């Protein structure tokens, strides 16, 4: 695959949008394999998001406050399994609709104002070594300036989060860009990537197989990925 064009487009969009302070690591390919995809009915519904702060000894307190935008924290997060509807003709010539639930979710960020912009993402849940992860990618993005989620997922890229379902709450922790860079440079994690000079960030170019291997090897080791101390973390509380 020739990555030159995607890298150029990726860099230009980030510069034009003024988004150089990215927190989530992005990948050109999904972080999952179909064999690991799972369905978790408990995550369906409407949620309100609250930022989870990093550990008290974190040196990034000032930057931490800038992670989430207003749209991410005041919007209602509507999470529903995607339902495919296909029109077909029966043998007698009558119209028929085949309804089929697919193995991913649609996440919509909707403000109370009915005319507000909606940010939509495709969420695929998958398990590796018993841990639940979420692959987020853009489904429909009409604007990018007011949402951290929309900015990080502006292109057809994928971000990775660990997802925990506990006592009717969702705890979501995204793997950070600088965290991934440190894993590569200091902890000798081997994974294919490209460095986008303009915004100064990594873009993973590894295959889904290699990304899965990385999670199988390092995802459960706290010394490699401390999921409780990432720059972008949220707690979602169910509202109905």
Protein backbone atom coordinates (compact mmCIF):
# COMPACT_ATOMS: atom_id res chain seq x y z
CA UNK A 1 0.00 0.00 0.00
CA UNK A 2 1.28 3.45 -0.95
CA UNK A 3 0.99 5.64 2.16
CA UNK A 4 2.31 8.86 0.61
CA UNK A 5 -1.07 10.31 -0.39
CA UNK A 6 -2.88 9.45 2.90
CA UNK A 7 0.03 10.92 4.88
CA UNK A 8 -0.02 14.17 2.89
CA UNK A 9 -3.81 14.52 3.25
CA UNK A 10 -3.61 13.62 6.93
CA UNK A 11 -0.97 16.28 7.59
CA UNK A 12 -2.72 19.01 5.61
CA UNK A 13 -6.06 18.49 7.36
CA UNK A 14 -4.47 18.58 10.80
CA UNK A 15 -2.60 21.79 10.03
CA UNK A 16 -5.64 23.52 8.50
CA UNK A 17 -7.84 22.55 11.42
CA UNK A 18 -5.28 23.85 13.89
CA UNK A 19 -5.18 20.47 15.57
CA UNK A 20 -1.63 19.80 16.61
CA UNK A 21 -2.41 18.77 20.19
CA UNK A 22 -3.60 15.25 19.42
CA UNK A 23 -3.80 12.68 22.19
CA UNK A 24 -5.06 9.46 20.61
CA UNK A 25 -2.87 7.26 18.45
CA UNK A 26 -4.36 6.78 14.98
CA UNK A 27 -4.07 3.81 12.64
CA UNK A 28 -4.80 3.49 8.94
CA UNK A 29 -6.03 -0.06 9.53
CA UNK A 30 -8.51 -1.47 12.08
CA UNK A 31 -7.07 -2.63 15.39
CA UNK A 32 -9.15 -5.84 15.27
CA UNK A 33 -9.60 -9.08 13.37
CA UNK A 34 -13.09 -10.37 12.63
CA UNK A 35 -12.47 -13.51 14.69
CA UNK A 36 -12.12 -11.36 17.84
CA UNK A 37 -15.19 -9.16 17.30
CA UNK A 38 -17.86 -9.41 19.99
CA UNK A 39 -21.27 -7.99 20.85
CA UNK A 40 -21.92 -6.51 24.30
CA UNK A 41 -25.63 -5.64 24.69
CA UNK A 42 -24.98 -3.73 27.94
CA UNK A 43 -23.36 -0.84 26.10
CA UNK A 44 -26.49 0.03 24.13
CA UNK A 45 -28.44 3.05 25.31
CA UNK A 46 -27.97 6.74 26.11
CA UNK A 47 -25.02 7.94 28.18
CA UNK A 48 -23.53 11.11 29.63
CA UNK A 49 -19.76 11.43 29.60
CA UNK A 50 -17.48 12.63 32.37
CA UNK A 51 -13.74 13.09 32.03
CA UNK A 52 -11.51 10.83 34.10
CA UNK A 53 -8.36 12.60 35.24
CA UNK A 54 -4.94 11.08 35.06
CA UNK A 55 -3.14 9.96 38.18
CA UNK A 56 -2.45 12.72 40.74
CA UNK A 57 1.29 12.51 40.12
CA UNK A 58 0.83 13.18 36.41
CA UNK A 59 2.90 16.04 35.01
CA UNK A 60 0.27 16.82 32.38
CA UNK A 61 -2.39 18.48 34.56
CA UNK A 62 -2.49 21.63 32.44
CA UNK A 63 -2.71 19.74 29.15
CA UNK A 64 -5.19 17.31 30.66
CA UNK A 65 -7.85 20.00 30.87
CA UNK A 66 -7.64 20.54 27.11
CA UNK A 67 -8.25 16.94 26.07
CA UNK A 68 -12.02 16.97 25.71
CA UNK A 69 -14.11 19.57 23.95
CA UNK A 70 -17.56 20.78 24.96
CA UNK A 71 -19.37 18.59 22.40
CA UNK A 72 -17.78 15.46 23.87
CA UNK A 73 -18.75 16.13 27.48
CA UNK A 74 -22.17 17.80 27.21
CA UNK A 75 -23.60 15.68 24.41
CA UNK A 76 -25.70 12.59 24.94
CA UNK A 77 -23.80 9.55 23.69
CA UNK A 78 -26.31 7.33 21.87
CA UNK A 79 -24.88 3.84 21.33
CA UNK A 80 -26.84 1.34 19.27
CA UNK A 81 -26.03 -1.77 17.30
CA UNK A 82 -26.16 -1.09 13.58
CA UNK A 83 -29.16 -2.62 11.84
CA UNK A 84 -28.90 -3.27 8.11
CA UNK A 85 -32.06 -2.99 6.02
CA UNK A 86 -32.06 -4.40 2.52
CA UNK A 87 -34.92 -4.13 0.03
CA UNK A 88 -35.63 -7.27 -1.98
CA UNK A 89 -38.32 -8.68 -4.22
CA UNK A 90 -40.09 -11.88 -3.26
CA UNK A 91 -40.77 -14.60 -5.83
CA UNK A 92 -44.25 -13.16 -6.25
CA UNK A 93 -42.80 -9.73 -7.05
CA UNK A 94 -43.71 -8.07 -3.76
CA UNK A 95 -41.32 -5.74 -1.96
CA UNK A 96 -39.68 -7.21 1.12
CA UNK A 97 -37.29 -5.76 3.69
CA UNK A 98 -34.59 -7.94 5.22
CA UNK A 99 -33.44 -6.64 8.60
CA UNK A 100 -30.08 -7.85 9.87
CA UNK A 101 -28.12 -6.63 12.91
CA UNK A 102 -24.42 -6.27 12.09
CA UNK A 103 -21.45 -6.75 14.40
CA UNK A 104 -20.68 -3.12 15.16
CA UNK A 105 -22.27 -0.13 16.88
CA UNK A 106 -23.05 3.42 15.85
CA UNK A 107 -22.09 6.07 18.39
CA UNK A 108 -23.85 9.43 18.01
CA UNK A 109 -22.95 12.52 20.02
CA UNK A 110 -26.11 14.63 20.18
CA UNK A 111 -26.68 17.84 22.14
CA UNK A 112 -30.04 18.68 23.69
CA UNK A 113 -30.69 21.17 20.92
CA UNK A 114 -32.37 19.17 18.13
CA UNK A 115 -30.63 21.34 15.51
CA UNK A 116 -27.17 20.68 16.92
CA UNK A 117 -24.50 18.93 14.90
CA UNK A 118 -24.26 15.18 15.35
CA UNK A 119 -20.95 13.40 15.37
CA UNK A 120 -21.18 9.76 14.38
CA UNK A 121 -18.64 7.01 14.86
CA UNK A 122 -18.51 3.32 14.14
CA UNK A 123 -17.54 1.32 17.19
CA UNK A 124 -16.38 -2.27 16.88
CA UNK A 125 -15.85 -4.17 20.12
CA UNK A 126 -13.39 -7.04 20.30
CA UNK A 127 -11.67 -9.17 22.92
CA UNK A 128 -8.02 -10.10 23.27
CA UNK A 129 -6.79 -12.14 26.22
CA UNK A 130 -10.17 -11.58 27.86
CA UNK A 131 -9.90 -7.77 27.76
CA UNK A 132 -12.53 -5.74 25.92
CA UNK A 133 -11.36 -3.14 23.41
CA UNK A 134 -13.12 -0.67 21.14
CA UNK A 135 -12.07 0.41 17.65
CA UNK A 136 -13.51 3.87 16.86
CA UNK A 137 -13.68 5.19 13.29
CA UNK A 138 -15.65 8.05 11.71
CA UNK A 139 -19.04 7.24 10.26
CA UNK A 140 -20.26 10.75 9.53
CA UNK A 141 -18.45 13.94 10.49
CA UNK A 142 -19.92 17.26 9.40
CA UNK A 143 -17.70 19.50 11.53
CA UNK A 144 -14.51 18.93 13.47
CA UNK A 145 -13.70 21.96 15.60
CA UNK A 146 -15.99 21.33 18.58
CA UNK A 147 -15.33 17.66 19.25
CA UNK A 148 -12.15 15.90 20.30
CA UNK A 149 -13.60 12.63 19.03
CA UNK A 150 -14.36 14.18 15.63
CA UNK A 151 -10.92 15.78 15.33
CA UNK A 152 -9.04 12.62 16.22
CA UNK A 153 -11.11 10.57 13.77
CA UNK A 154 -11.36 13.10 10.93
CA UNK A 155 -10.01 10.78 8.25
CA UNK A 156 -10.95 7.14 7.89
CA UNK A 157 -8.53 6.26 10.63
CA UNK A 158 -9.00 4.16 13.71
CA UNK A 159 -8.39 4.91 17.38
CA UNK A 160 -8.09 2.27 20.07
CA UNK A 161 -9.68 2.23 23.52
CA UNK A 162 -9.96 -0.26 26.32
CA UNK A 163 -13.59 -0.55 27.40
CA UNK A 164 -14.81 -1.72 30.80
CA UNK A 165 -18.44 -2.27 31.75
CA UNK A 166 -18.94 -2.02 35.52
CA UNK A 167 -22.08 -1.41 37.59
CA UNK A 168 -23.99 0.16 34.74
CA UNK A 169 -21.12 2.44 33.75
CA UNK A 170 -18.67 2.43 30.86
CA UNK A 171 -15.01 3.24 31.45
CA UNK A 172 -13.21 4.09 28.21
CA UNK A 173 -9.47 4.73 27.94
CA UNK A 174 -7.87 5.59 24.58
CA UNK A 175 -4.28 4.63 23.78
CA UNK A 176 -2.32 7.90 23.59
CA UNK A 177 -0.12 9.12 20.75
CA UNK A 178 2.85 9.98 22.97
CA UNK A 179 2.36 6.74 24.89
CA UNK A 180 2.62 4.75 21.65
CA UNK A 181 5.68 6.74 20.61
CA UNK A 182 7.37 5.92 23.90
CA UNK A 183 6.51 2.23 23.49
CA UNK A 184 8.26 2.26 20.11
CA UNK A 185 11.27 4.41 20.98
CA UNK A 186 12.01 3.40 24.57
CA UNK A 187 10.36 0.02 25.09
CA UNK A 188 11.32 -1.46 21.73
CA UNK A 189 7.85 -2.37 20.60
CA UNK A 190 8.09 -3.18 16.91
CA UNK A 191 5.17 -1.92 14.85
CA UNK A 192 4.99 -0.19 11.47
CA UNK A 193 4.26 3.54 11.49
CA UNK A 194 4.94 6.79 9.69
CA UNK A 195 5.78 10.12 11.27
CA UNK A 196 3.65 13.03 9.99
CA UNK A 197 5.95 16.04 10.22
CA UNK A 198 3.41 18.89 10.01
CA UNK A 199 1.37 18.06 13.11
CA UNK A 200 4.27 16.09 14.58
CA UNK A 201 2.57 12.82 15.38
CA UNK A 202 2.68 9.13 14.60
CA UNK A 203 0.33 7.34 12.24
CA UNK A 204 0.31 3.55 12.57
CA UNK A 205 0.46 1.76 9.22
CA UNK A 206 0.70 -1.82 10.50
CA UNK A 207 -1.77 -4.47 9.36
CA UNK A 208 -4.68 -5.54 11.55
CA UNK A 209 -2.84 -8.81 12.13
CA UNK A 210 0.22 -6.99 13.46
CA UNK A 211 -1.90 -4.64 15.60
CA UNK A 212 -3.67 -7.66 17.09
CA UNK A 213 -0.31 -9.31 17.80
CA UNK A 214 0.81 -6.12 19.56
CA UNK A 215 -2.24 -6.15 21.83
CA UNK A 216 -1.86 -9.86 22.53
CA UNK A 217 1.74 -9.30 23.60
CA UNK A 218 1.60 -5.94 25.37
CA UNK A 219 -2.03 -4.95 25.99
CA UNK A 220 -2.23 -6.65 29.38
CA UNK A 221 1.20 -5.55 30.62
CA UNK A 222 0.96 -2.39 32.68
CA UNK A 223 4.63 -1.54 32.14
CA UNK A 224 3.86 -1.21 28.44
CA UNK A 225 0.29 0.18 28.51
CA UNK A 226 -1.10 1.64 31.71
CA UNK A 227 -4.75 1.90 30.69
CA UNK A 228 -5.60 3.75 33.91
CA UNK A 229 -3.22 6.60 33.09
CA UNK A 230 -3.92 7.62 29.51
CA UNK A 231 -4.45 11.28 28.51
CA UNK A 232 -7.92 10.63 27.05
CA UNK A 233 -10.21 8.76 29.47
CA UNK A 234 -13.95 8.93 30.09
CA UNK A 235 -16.64 7.50 32.31
CA UNK A 236 -20.07 7.14 30.73
CA UNK A 237 -23.11 7.11 32.98
CA UNK A 238 -26.33 5.62 31.65
CA UNK A 239 -29.28 8.02 31.59
CA UNK A 240 -31.92 5.63 30.21
